[in-house]
Protein backbone atom coordinates (compact mmCIF):
# COMPACT_ATOMS: atom_id res chain seq x y z
CA MET A 1 0.22 -0.01 0.09
CA GLY A 2 1.61 3.48 -1.03
CA THR A 3 2.35 6.27 1.42
CA ARG A 4 1.25 9.91 0.76
CA ASP A 5 3.91 12.43 0.81
CA HIS A 6 3.32 15.26 2.72
CA GLY A 7 5.40 18.39 1.57
CA GLY A 8 8.57 16.10 -0.10
CA GLU A 9 9.84 16.43 -3.68
CA GLY A 10 8.25 13.42 -4.82
CA ARG A 11 6.64 13.06 -8.08
CA ASP A 12 2.92 13.62 -7.36
CA ASP A 13 4.53 16.53 -5.07
CA PRO A 14 2.38 19.85 -6.49
CA ALA A 15 4.74 21.93 -4.75
CA ALA A 16 7.66 20.55 -7.10
CA THR A 17 5.73 22.04 -10.27
CA THR A 18 4.68 25.30 -8.52
CA PRO A 19 6.36 28.52 -9.30
CA GLY A 20 9.19 29.39 -6.69
CA PRO A 21 7.52 32.20 -4.77
CA PHE A 22 4.87 30.04 -3.90
CA ARG A 23 6.64 26.89 -3.02
CA GLY A 24 7.20 27.24 0.51
CA LEU A 25 3.73 28.68 0.81
CA TRP A 26 2.02 25.36 -0.49
CA ARG A 27 4.38 22.68 1.42
CA LEU A 28 3.14 24.95 4.59
CA GLY A 29 -0.12 24.56 3.71
CA ALA A 30 0.08 20.57 2.85
CA HIS A 31 1.83 20.09 6.42
CA GLY A 32 -0.77 22.53 8.16
CA LEU A 33 -3.67 20.47 6.29
CA TYR A 34 -1.91 17.09 7.55
CA ALA A 35 -1.82 18.29 11.10
CA VAL A 36 -5.07 19.25 11.23
CA GLU A 37 -6.44 15.75 9.66
CA ARG A 38 -4.03 14.17 12.25
CA THR A 39 -5.56 16.24 15.08
CA GLY A 40 -9.15 15.42 14.25
CA LEU A 41 -8.61 12.04 13.74
CA VAL A 42 -7.13 11.97 17.28
CA LEU A 43 -9.99 14.40 18.88
CA ILE A 44 -12.49 11.75 16.99
CA VAL A 45 -11.25 8.96 18.64
CA LEU A 46 -10.64 10.14 21.97
CA ALA A 47 -14.42 11.53 22.18
CA THR A 48 -15.73 8.02 20.93
CA MET A 49 -13.75 6.86 23.78
CA CYS A 50 -15.23 8.65 26.29
CA ALA A 51 -18.91 8.22 24.95
CA THR A 52 -17.98 4.30 25.31
CA TYR A 53 -16.70 5.17 28.90
CA LEU A 54 -19.88 6.62 29.71
CA LYS A 55 -22.19 3.91 28.35
CA ILE A 56 -19.99 1.26 29.93
CA ARG A 57 -20.57 3.22 33.08
CA SER A 58 -24.19 3.87 32.79
CA MET A 59 -24.63 0.15 31.99
CA ILE A 60 -22.82 -0.70 34.93
CA THR A 61 -24.68 1.75 37.31
CA GLY A 62 -27.96 1.33 35.84
CA GLU A 63 -27.20 -2.62 36.07
CA GLU A 64 -28.89 -3.22 32.65
CA VAL A 65 -27.49 -4.25 29.13
CA THR A 66 -29.85 -3.72 26.45
CA ILE A 67 -29.18 -4.84 22.73
CA SER A 68 -29.72 -1.11 22.06
CA ASP A 69 -26.78 -0.66 24.47
CA LEU A 70 -24.75 -3.27 22.52
CA LEU A 71 -25.50 -1.71 19.16
CA LEU A 72 -24.37 1.33 20.07
CA LEU A 73 -20.98 0.24 21.72
CA PHE A 74 -20.58 -1.52 18.50
CA ILE A 75 -21.12 1.87 16.40
CA TYR A 76 -18.38 3.18 18.74
CA LEU A 77 -16.12 0.57 18.00
CA GLU A 78 -16.33 0.61 14.22
CA VAL A 79 -15.81 4.82 14.32
CA VAL A 80 -12.15 3.89 16.18
CA SER A 81 -11.95 0.98 13.42
CA MET A 82 -12.55 3.77 10.50
CA SER A 83 -10.32 6.19 12.32
CA SER A 84 -7.56 3.60 12.47
CA VAL A 85 -8.03 2.64 8.81
CA TYR A 86 -8.11 6.24 7.63
CA TRP A 87 -4.79 6.84 9.96
CA ARG A 88 -2.87 4.28 8.64
CA ALA A 89 -4.05 4.41 4.85
CA HIS A 90 -4.90 7.93 4.25
CA LYS A 91 -8.36 6.43 2.80
CA LEU A 92 -11.40 6.01 4.08
CA PRO A 93 -13.35 2.80 2.62
CA VAL A 94 -16.88 4.04 1.74
CA ARG A 95 -18.13 0.42 3.12
CA MET A 96 -17.41 1.61 6.83
CA PRO A 97 -19.67 4.27 6.90
CA LEU A 98 -22.32 2.37 5.31
CA TYR A 99 -21.73 -0.49 8.05
CA ILE A 100 -22.36 2.30 10.87
CA ALA A 101 -25.48 3.65 9.31
CA MET A 102 -27.12 0.28 9.12
CA VAL A 103 -26.41 -0.18 12.53
CA ALA A 104 -27.59 2.99 13.83
CA LEU A 105 -30.74 2.41 11.69
CA ALA A 106 -31.22 -1.02 13.38
CA ARG A 107 -30.59 0.50 16.78
CA TYR A 108 -33.19 3.55 16.15
CA LEU A 109 -35.73 0.66 14.72
CA MET A 110 -35.39 -1.35 17.82
CA PHE A 111 -35.16 1.72 19.86
CA THR A 112 -38.61 3.18 18.62
CA ALA A 113 -40.69 0.50 16.78
CA GLY A 114 -43.02 0.38 19.51
CA HIS A 115 -43.69 4.49 19.17
CA ILE A 116 -44.03 4.91 15.59
CA ASP A 117 -46.15 3.86 12.63
CA ALA A 118 -45.66 0.69 10.43
CA VAL A 119 -45.32 2.93 7.67
CA ARG A 120 -41.82 4.35 9.20
CA ILE A 121 -40.59 0.91 10.20
CA VAL A 122 -40.93 -0.10 6.54
CA ALA A 123 -39.23 2.69 5.44
CA LEU A 124 -36.46 2.24 8.10
CA ALA A 125 -35.99 -1.15 6.74
CA LEU A 126 -36.01 -0.44 3.33
CA ALA A 127 -33.23 2.16 4.09
CA ILE A 128 -31.19 -0.68 5.65
CA LEU A 129 -31.99 -2.72 2.60
CA VAL A 130 -30.57 -0.07 0.14
CA LEU A 131 -27.29 0.50 2.56
CA ALA A 132 -27.18 -3.34 2.40
CA LEU A 133 -27.36 -3.31 -1.63
CA ALA A 134 -24.84 -0.70 -1.70
CA VAL A 135 -22.26 -2.67 0.29
CA LEU A 136 -22.85 -5.32 -1.69
CA VAL A 137 -22.54 -3.45 -5.35
CA LEU A 138 -19.26 -1.77 -4.04
CA ARG A 139 -17.84 -5.15 -3.19
CA PHE A 140 -18.66 -6.43 -6.22
CA GLY A 141 -17.23 -3.45 -7.67
CA HIS A 142 -13.77 -3.90 -6.13
CA ARG A 143 -13.67 -7.38 -7.05
CA ARG A 144 -14.63 -7.28 -10.62
CA TYR A 145 -12.97 -3.71 -11.17
CA PRO A 146 -9.84 -3.70 -8.98
CA TYR A 147 -7.80 -0.70 -8.68
CA VAL A 148 -4.75 -1.02 -10.57
CA GLU A 149 -1.58 -0.36 -9.02
CA THR A 150 0.84 2.44 -10.10
CA ARG A 151 4.65 2.51 -10.18
CA ASN A 152 4.86 4.45 -6.81
CA GLY A 153 2.74 1.74 -5.21
CA ALA A 154 -0.29 4.18 -5.03
CA ARG A 155 -3.65 3.25 -6.16
CA GLY A 156 -6.50 4.99 -7.64
CA GLU A 157 -7.73 6.21 -11.14
CA ASP A 158 -6.27 9.31 -10.86
CA ARG A 159 -2.86 8.49 -11.54
CA GLU A 160 -1.76 9.11 -15.20
CA ASP A 161 0.20 5.99 -15.37
CA HIS A 162 -1.96 2.92 -14.93
CA ALA A 163 0.47 0.24 -15.80
CA LEU A 164 3.14 -1.06 -13.91
CA PRO A 165 6.35 -1.49 -16.17
């Protein structure tokens, strides 16, 4: 898996082709955005860990664990996992937010099923089905039409040289 070049003189570095007076500004901006990205990820993980702790504490003090509580903990775990993948790969697989959305809708459906009408229940179930179908389409697409590795190991269709030498 390729690594992202943050401000270096690499082949994919826009700063390498930026006119002289703006090259330093471009690198400063790239490093600044990288720092904001990393700080945001750390804050997301810390907030998720805090929410997990508070939920577990409320389950212990209330001496009750429901399926809704477990699904919420699963959502928290998925958010941490998604952050970890993004931290390492600098890419966010679209499937992960879809999984989180499916679990969130299922949790909402379980939590409110006795208080909403049948039309909304069917609509929520259909929304979960549409998300599941989207995951299947994405999985099929990645299997049938995988990304082509480029010379520097990066993946994606935005590269000019799709074929390996």
